[in-house]
Amino acid sequence: MGGFRIEADLDLCQGHAMCELEAPDYFRVPKRGKVEIVDPEPPENAREEVERAVDMCPTQALFIKEDPGD
């Protein structure tokens, strides 16, 4: 069963929190902090929401890795 995984490059993250605004169930950004991925392997039905959040990141610190499954 395939799926996807959310990953972050914390060296690029500047804490803008655009991801949290787009997908608060999957991203959290503490005040003056860097992104925390709440659920790194979200369900497939969350893909669109997560993709929007990844696209909104101004520093392109977030990305999706496809899981080919078994």
PDB file of N, CA and C in Angstrom:
ATOM      1  N   MET A   1       0.851  -1.187   0.000  1.00  0.00           N
ATOM      2  CA  MET A   1       0.000   0.000   0.000  1.00  0.00           C
ATOM      3  C   MET A   1       0.886   1.235   0.000  1.00  0.00           C
ATOM      4  N   GLY A   2       0.744   2.076  -0.996  1.00  0.00           N
ATOM      5  CA  GLY A   2       1.525   3.300  -1.102  1.00  0.00           C
ATOM      6  C   GLY A   2       0.946   4.388  -0.222  1.00  0.00           C
ATOM      7  N   GLY A   3       1.643   5.452  -0.139  1.00  0.00           N
ATOM      8  CA  GLY A   3       1.219   6.594   0.648  1.00  0.00           C
ATOM      9  C   GLY A   3       2.251   7.679   0.483  1.00  0.00           C
ATOM     10  N   PHE A   4       2.293   8.573   1.433  1.00  0.00           N
ATOM     11  CA  PHE A   4       3.286   9.636   1.357  1.00  0.00           C
ATOM     12  C   PHE A   4       3.737  10.036   2.745  1.00  0.00           C
ATOM     13  N   ARG A   5       4.854  10.700   2.769  1.00  0.00           N
ATOM     14  CA  ARG A   5       5.460  11.143   4.025  1.00  0.00           C
ATOM     15  C   ARG A   5       5.836  12.612   3.882  1.00  0.00           C
ATOM     16  N   ILE A   6       5.605  13.396   4.937  1.00  0.00           N
ATOM     17  CA  ILE A   6       5.988  14.806   4.959  1.00  0.00           C
ATOM     18  C   ILE A   6       7.361  14.911   5.597  1.00  0.00           C
ATOM     19  N   GLU A   7       8.240  15.675   4.969  1.00  0.00           N
ATOM     20  CA  GLU A   7       9.560  15.914   5.540  1.00  0.00           C
ATOM     21  C   GLU A   7       9.858  17.404   5.486  1.00  0.00           C
ATOM     22  N   ALA A   8      10.770  17.837   6.352  1.00  0.00           N
ATOM     23  CA  ALA A   8      11.131  19.253   6.427  1.00  0.00           C
ATOM     24  C   ALA A   8      12.641  19.403   6.482  1.00  0.00           C
ATOM     25  N   ASP A   9      13.124  20.438   5.833  1.00  0.00           N
ATOM     26  CA  ASP A   9      14.533  20.825   5.937  1.00  0.00           C
ATOM     27  C   ASP A   9      14.581  21.962   6.952  1.00  0.00           C
ATOM     28  N   LEU A  10      14.933  21.641   8.181  1.00  0.00           N
ATOM     29  CA  LEU A  10      14.897  22.638   9.251  1.00  0.00           C
ATOM     30  C   LEU A  10      15.955  23.719   9.085  1.00  0.00           C
ATOM     31  N   ASP A  11      16.959  23.471   8.256  1.00  0.00           N
ATOM     32  CA  ASP A  11      17.939  24.522   7.959  1.00  0.00           C
ATOM     33  C   ASP A  11      17.309  25.621   7.114  1.00  0.00           C
ATOM     34  N   LEU A  12      16.286  25.269   6.323  1.00  0.00           N
ATOM     35  CA  LEU A  12      15.607  26.257   5.477  1.00  0.00           C
ATOM     36  C   LEU A  12      14.435  26.934   6.185  1.00  0.00           C
ATOM     37  N   CYS A  13      13.802  26.236   7.114  1.00  0.00           N
ATOM     38  CA  CYS A  13      12.607  26.764   7.780  1.00  0.00           C
ATOM     39  C   CYS A  13      12.942  28.039   8.551  1.00  0.00           C
ATOM     40  N   GLN A  14      12.110  29.065   8.344  1.00  0.00           N
ATOM     41  CA  GLN A  14      12.275  30.328   9.062  1.00  0.00           C
ATOM     42  C   GLN A  14      11.084  30.629   9.968  1.00  0.00           C
ATOM     43  N   GLY A  15      10.188  29.673  10.123  1.00  0.00           N
ATOM     44  CA  GLY A  15       9.082  29.829  11.059  1.00  0.00           C
ATOM     45  C   GLY A  15       7.974  30.755  10.612  1.00  0.00           C
ATOM     46  N   HIS A  16       7.746  30.882   9.306  1.00  0.00           N
ATOM     47  CA  HIS A  16       6.680  31.755   8.802  1.00  0.00           C
ATOM     48  C   HIS A  16       5.285  31.238   9.152  1.00  0.00           C
ATOM     49  N   ALA A  17       5.149  29.933   9.363  1.00  0.00           N
ATOM     50  CA  ALA A  17       3.897  29.279   9.783  1.00  0.00           C
ATOM     51  C   ALA A  17       2.809  29.264   8.719  1.00  0.00           C
ATOM     52  N   MET A  18       3.168  29.451   7.469  1.00  0.00           N
ATOM     53  CA  MET A  18       2.172  29.355   6.400  1.00  0.00           C
ATOM     54  C   MET A  18       1.615  27.933   6.323  1.00  0.00           C
ATOM     55  N   CYS A  19       2.457  26.955   6.574  1.00  0.00           N
ATOM     56  CA  CYS A  19       2.013  25.557   6.549  1.00  0.00           C
ATOM     57  C   CYS A  19       0.952  25.310   7.622  1.00  0.00           C
ATOM     58  N   GLU A  20       1.166  25.872   8.790  1.00  0.00           N
ATOM     59  CA  GLU A  20       0.211  25.685   9.885  1.00  0.00           C
ATOM     60  C   GLU A  20      -1.127  26.339   9.558  1.00  0.00           C
ATOM     61  N   LEU A  21      -1.090  27.467   8.884  1.00  0.00           N
ATOM     62  CA  LEU A  21      -2.335  28.125   8.479  1.00  0.00           C
ATOM     63  C   LEU A  21      -3.108  27.272   7.480  1.00  0.00           C
ATOM     64  N   GLU A  22      -2.406  26.619   6.572  1.00  0.00           N
ATOM     65  CA  GLU A  22      -3.044  25.798   5.540  1.00  0.00           C
ATOM     66  C   GLU A  22      -3.482  24.431   6.051  1.00  0.00           C
ATOM     67  N   ALA A  23      -2.696  23.827   6.928  1.00  0.00           N
ATOM     68  CA  ALA A  23      -2.982  22.459   7.381  1.00  0.00           C
ATOM     69  C   ALA A  23      -2.631  22.301   8.864  1.00  0.00           C
ATOM     70  N   PRO A  24      -3.415  22.907   9.740  1.00  0.00           N
ATOM     71  CA  PRO A  24      -3.088  22.896  11.173  1.00  0.00           C
ATOM     72  C   PRO A  24      -3.113  21.511  11.819  1.00  0.00           C
ATOM     73  N   ASP A  25      -3.755  20.548  11.192  1.00  0.00           N
ATOM     74  CA  ASP A  25      -3.765  19.191  11.750  1.00  0.00           C
ATOM     75  C   ASP A  25      -2.436  18.473  11.530  1.00  0.00           C
ATOM     76  N   TYR A  26      -1.608  19.012  10.633  1.00  0.00           N
ATOM     77  CA  TYR A  26      -0.378  18.314  10.250  1.00  0.00           C
ATOM     78  C   TYR A  26       0.899  19.090  10.535  1.00  0.00           C
ATOM     79  N   PHE A  27       0.769  20.409  10.748  1.00  0.00           N
ATOM     80  CA  PHE A  27       1.944  21.243  11.000  1.00  0.00           C
ATOM     81  C   PHE A  27       1.706  22.148  12.197  1.00  0.00           C
ATOM     82  N   ARG A  28       2.752  22.353  12.978  1.00  0.00           N
ATOM     83  CA  ARG A  28       2.708  23.296  14.094  1.00  0.00           C
ATOM     84  C   ARG A  28       4.015  24.080  14.059  1.00  0.00           C
ATOM     85  N   VAL A  29       3.905  25.394  14.256  1.00  0.00           N
ATOM     86  CA  VAL A  29       5.103  26.235  14.306  1.00  0.00           C
ATOM     87  C   VAL A  29       5.039  27.044  15.590  1.00  0.00           C
ATOM     88  N   PRO A  30       5.864  26.699  16.570  1.00  0.00           N
ATOM     89  CA  PRO A  30       5.874  27.457  17.818  1.00  0.00           C
ATOM     90  C   PRO A  30       6.367  28.884  17.581  1.00  0.00           C
ATOM     91  N   LYS A  31       5.967  29.780  18.448  1.00  0.00           N
ATOM     92  CA  LYS A  31       6.416  31.166  18.323  1.00  0.00           C
ATOM     93  C   LYS A  31       7.944  31.198  18.312  1.00  0.00           C
ATOM     94  N   ARG A  32       8.491  31.879  17.322  1.00  0.00           N
ATOM     95  CA  ARG A  32       9.946  31.978  17.111  1.00  0.00           C
ATOM     96  C   ARG A  32      10.607  30.607  16.987  1.00  0.00           C
ATOM     97  N   GLY A  33       9.869  29.666  16.415  1.00  0.00           N
ATOM     98  CA  GLY A  33      10.421  28.322  16.268  1.00  0.00           C
ATOM     99  C   GLY A  33      10.387  27.850  14.831  1.00  0.00           C
ATOM    100  N   LYS A  34      10.686  26.594  14.662  1.00  0.00           N
ATOM    101  CA  LYS A  34      10.670  25.966  13.347  1.00  0.00           C
ATOM    102  C   LYS A  34       9.543  24.950  13.304  1.00  0.00           C
ATOM    103  N   VAL A  35       9.183  24.582  12.101  1.00  0.00           N
ATOM    104  CA  VAL A  35       8.045  23.691  11.895  1.00  0.00           C
ATOM    105  C   VAL A  35       8.218  22.364  12.640  1.00  0.00           C
ATOM    106  N   GLU A  36       7.106  21.903  13.185  1.00  0.00           N
ATOM    107  CA  GLU A  36       7.011  20.566  13.765  1.00  0.00           C
ATOM    108  C   GLU A  36       5.940  19.839  12.969  1.00  0.00           C
ATOM    109  N   ILE A  37       6.278  18.690  12.450  1.00  0.00           N
ATOM    110  CA  ILE A  37       5.311  17.909  11.687  1.00  0.00           C
ATOM    111  C   ILE A  37       4.548  17.035  12.676  1.00  0.00           C
ATOM    112  N   VAL A  38       3.253  17.299  12.793  1.00  0.00           N
ATOM    113  CA  VAL A  38       2.414  16.614  13.774  1.00  0.00           C
ATOM    114  C   VAL A  38       2.186  15.158  13.375  1.00  0.00           C
ATOM    115  N   ASP A  39       1.932  14.940  12.097  1.00  0.00           N
ATOM    116  CA  ASP A  39       1.685  13.588  11.586  1.00  0.00           C
ATOM    117  C   ASP A  39       2.486  13.421  10.300  1.00  0.00           C
ATOM    118  N   PRO A  40       3.684  12.848  10.371  1.00  0.00           N
ATOM    119  CA  PRO A  40       4.538  12.757   9.188  1.00  0.00           C
ATOM    120  C   PRO A  40       4.019  11.809   8.110  1.00  0.00           C
ATOM    121  N   GLU A  41       3.082  10.934   8.456  1.00  0.00           N
ATOM    122  CA  GLU A  41       2.507  10.007   7.484  1.00  0.00           C
ATOM    123  C   GLU A  41       0.986  10.129   7.508  1.00  0.00           C
ATOM    124  N   PRO A  42       0.471  11.236   6.974  1.00  0.00           N
ATOM    125  CA  PRO A  42      -0.970  11.473   7.026  1.00  0.00           C
ATOM    126  C   PRO A  42      -1.736  10.534   6.096  1.00  0.00           C
ATOM    127  N   PRO A  43      -3.042  10.437   6.303  1.00  0.00           N
ATOM    128  CA  PRO A  43      -3.854   9.593   5.425  1.00  0.00           C
ATOM    129  C   PRO A  43      -3.934  10.188   4.016  1.00  0.00           C
ATOM    130  N   GLU A  44      -4.208   9.332   3.066  1.00  0.00           N
ATOM    131  CA  GLU A  44      -4.283   9.754   1.665  1.00  0.00           C
ATOM    132  C   GLU A  44      -5.319  10.864   1.459  1.00  0.00           C
ATOM    133  N   ASN A  45      -6.406  10.846   2.224  1.00  0.00           N
ATOM    134  CA  ASN A  45      -7.441  11.865   2.031  1.00  0.00           C
ATOM    135  C   ASN A  45      -7.006  13.250   2.515  1.00  0.00           C
ATOM    136  N   ALA A  46      -5.827  13.354   3.108  1.00  0.00           N
ATOM    137  CA  ALA A  46      -5.287  14.655   3.526  1.00  0.00           C
ATOM    138  C   ALA A  46      -4.270  15.194   2.522  1.00  0.00           C
ATOM    139  N   ARG A  47      -4.010  14.448   1.464  1.00  0.00           N
ATOM    140  CA  ARG A  47      -2.953  14.822   0.517  1.00  0.00           C
ATOM    141  C   ARG A  47      -3.139  16.238  -0.043  1.00  0.00           C
ATOM    142  N   GLU A  48      -4.328  16.575  -0.473  1.00  0.00           N
ATOM    143  CA  GLU A  48      -4.555  17.892  -1.082  1.00  0.00           C
ATOM    144  C   GLU A  48      -4.244  19.015  -0.092  1.00  0.00           C
ATOM    145  N   GLU A  49      -4.699  18.877   1.135  1.00  0.00           N
ATOM    146  CA  GLU A  49      -4.448  19.878   2.180  1.00  0.00           C
ATOM    147  C   GLU A  49      -2.947  20.005   2.460  1.00  0.00           C
ATOM    148  N   VAL A  50      -2.270  18.880   2.559  1.00  0.00           N
ATOM    149  CA  VAL A  50      -0.830  18.880   2.826  1.00  0.00           C
ATOM    150  C   VAL A  50      -0.063  19.475   1.647  1.00  0.00           C
ATOM    151  N   GLU A  51      -0.453  19.130   0.425  1.00  0.00           N
ATOM    152  CA  GLU A  51       0.219  19.686  -0.759  1.00  0.00           C
ATOM    153  C   GLU A  51       0.081  21.204  -0.808  1.00  0.00           C
ATOM    154  N   ARG A  52      -1.099  21.720  -0.452  1.00  0.00           N
ATOM    155  CA  ARG A  52      -1.287  23.183  -0.401  1.00  0.00           C
ATOM    156  C   ARG A  52      -0.336  23.804   0.612  1.00  0.00           C
ATOM    157  N   ALA A  53      -0.219  23.178   1.766  1.00  0.00           N
ATOM    158  CA  ALA A  53       0.670  23.694   2.809  1.00  0.00           C
ATOM    159  C   ALA A  53       2.122  23.680   2.345  1.00  0.00           C
ATOM    160  N   VAL A  54       2.537  22.600   1.709  1.00  0.00           N
ATOM    161  CA  VAL A  54       3.906  22.497   1.192  1.00  0.00           C
ATOM    162  C   VAL A  54       4.151  23.594   0.155  1.00  0.00           C
ATOM    163  N   ASP A  55       3.183  23.808  -0.730  1.00  0.00           N
ATOM    164  CA  ASP A  55       3.314  24.837  -1.767  1.00  0.00           C
ATOM    165  C   ASP A  55       3.378  26.247  -1.187  1.00  0.00           C
ATOM    166  N   MET A  56       2.760  26.460  -0.033  1.00  0.00           N
ATOM    167  CA  MET A  56       2.715  27.798   0.574  1.00  0.00           C
ATOM    168  C   MET A  56       4.000  28.165   1.313  1.00  0.00           C
ATOM    169  N   CYS A  57       4.873  27.213   1.558  1.00  0.00           N
ATOM    170  CA  CYS A  57       6.096  27.492   2.311  1.00  0.00           C
ATOM    171  C   CYS A  57       6.991  28.453   1.529  1.00  0.00           C
ATOM    172  N   PRO A  58       7.239  29.659   2.061  1.00  0.00           N
ATOM    173  CA  PRO A  58       8.031  30.645   1.315  1.00  0.00           C
ATOM    174  C   PRO A  58       9.503  30.272   1.167  1.00  0.00           C
ATOM    175  N   THR A  59      10.002  29.386   2.015  1.00  0.00           N
ATOM    176  CA  THR A  59      11.414  28.994   1.916  1.00  0.00           C
ATOM    177  C   THR A  59      11.588  27.599   1.306  1.00  0.00           C
ATOM    178  N   GLN A  60      10.485  26.991   0.899  1.00  0.00           N
ATOM    179  CA  GLN A  60      10.491  25.646   0.303  1.00  0.00           C
ATOM    180  C   GLN A  60      11.190  24.630   1.207  1.00  0.00           C
ATOM    181  N   ALA A  61      10.895  24.732   2.494  1.00  0.00           N
ATOM    182  CA  ALA A  61      11.509  23.845   3.482  1.00  0.00           C
ATOM    183  C   ALA A  61      10.764  22.520   3.631  1.00  0.00           C
ATOM    184  N   LEU A  62       9.575  22.428   3.048  1.00  0.00           N
ATOM    185  CA  LEU A  62       8.758  21.226   3.188  1.00  0.00           C
ATOM    186  C   LEU A  62       8.692  20.461   1.879  1.00  0.00           C
ATOM    187  N   PHE A  63       8.634  19.151   1.989  1.00  0.00           N
ATOM    188  CA  PHE A  63       8.439  18.360   0.780  1.00  0.00           C
ATOM    189  C   PHE A  63       7.743  17.051   1.116  1.00  0.00           C
ATOM    190  N   ILE A  64       7.213  16.445   0.078  1.00  0.00           N
ATOM    191  CA  ILE A  64       6.490  15.185   0.201  1.00  0.00           C
ATOM    192  C   ILE A  64       7.321  14.100  -0.460  1.00  0.00           C
ATOM    193  N   LYS A  65       7.488  13.007   0.248  1.00  0.00           N
ATOM    194  CA  LYS A  65       8.160  11.829  -0.318  1.00  0.00           C
ATOM    195  C   LYS A  65       7.103  10.756  -0.511  1.00  0.00           C
ATOM    196  N   GLU A  66       7.069  10.211  -1.694  1.00  0.00           N
ATOM    197  CA  GLU A  66       6.118   9.141  -1.986  1.00  0.00           C
ATOM    198  C   GLU A  66       6.632   7.835  -1.388  1.00  0.00           C
ATOM    199  N   ASP A  67       5.713   7.066  -0.835  1.00  0.00           N
ATOM    200  CA  ASP A  67       6.033   5.749  -0.303  1.00  0.00           C
ATOM    201  C   ASP A  67       5.523   4.720  -1.306  1.00  0.00           C
ATOM    202  N   PRO A  68       6.426   4.022  -1.976  1.00  0.00           N
ATOM    203  CA  PRO A  68       5.982   3.074  -2.996  1.00  0.00           C
ATOM    204  C   PRO A  68       5.220   1.881  -2.433  1.00  0.00           C
ATOM    205  N   GLY A  69       5.322   1.662  -1.135  1.00  0.00           N
ATOM    206  CA  GLY A  69       4.610   0.542  -0.522  1.00  0.00           C
ATOM    207  C   GLY A  69       5.305  -0.770  -0.792  1.00  0.00           C
ATOM    208  N   ASP A  70       4.552  -1.834  -0.662  1.00  0.00           N
ATOM    209  CA  ASP A  70       5.143  -3.176  -0.845  1.00  0.00           C
ATOM    210  C   ASP A  70       4.972  -3.680  -2.250  1.00  0.00           C
TER     211      ASP A  70
END
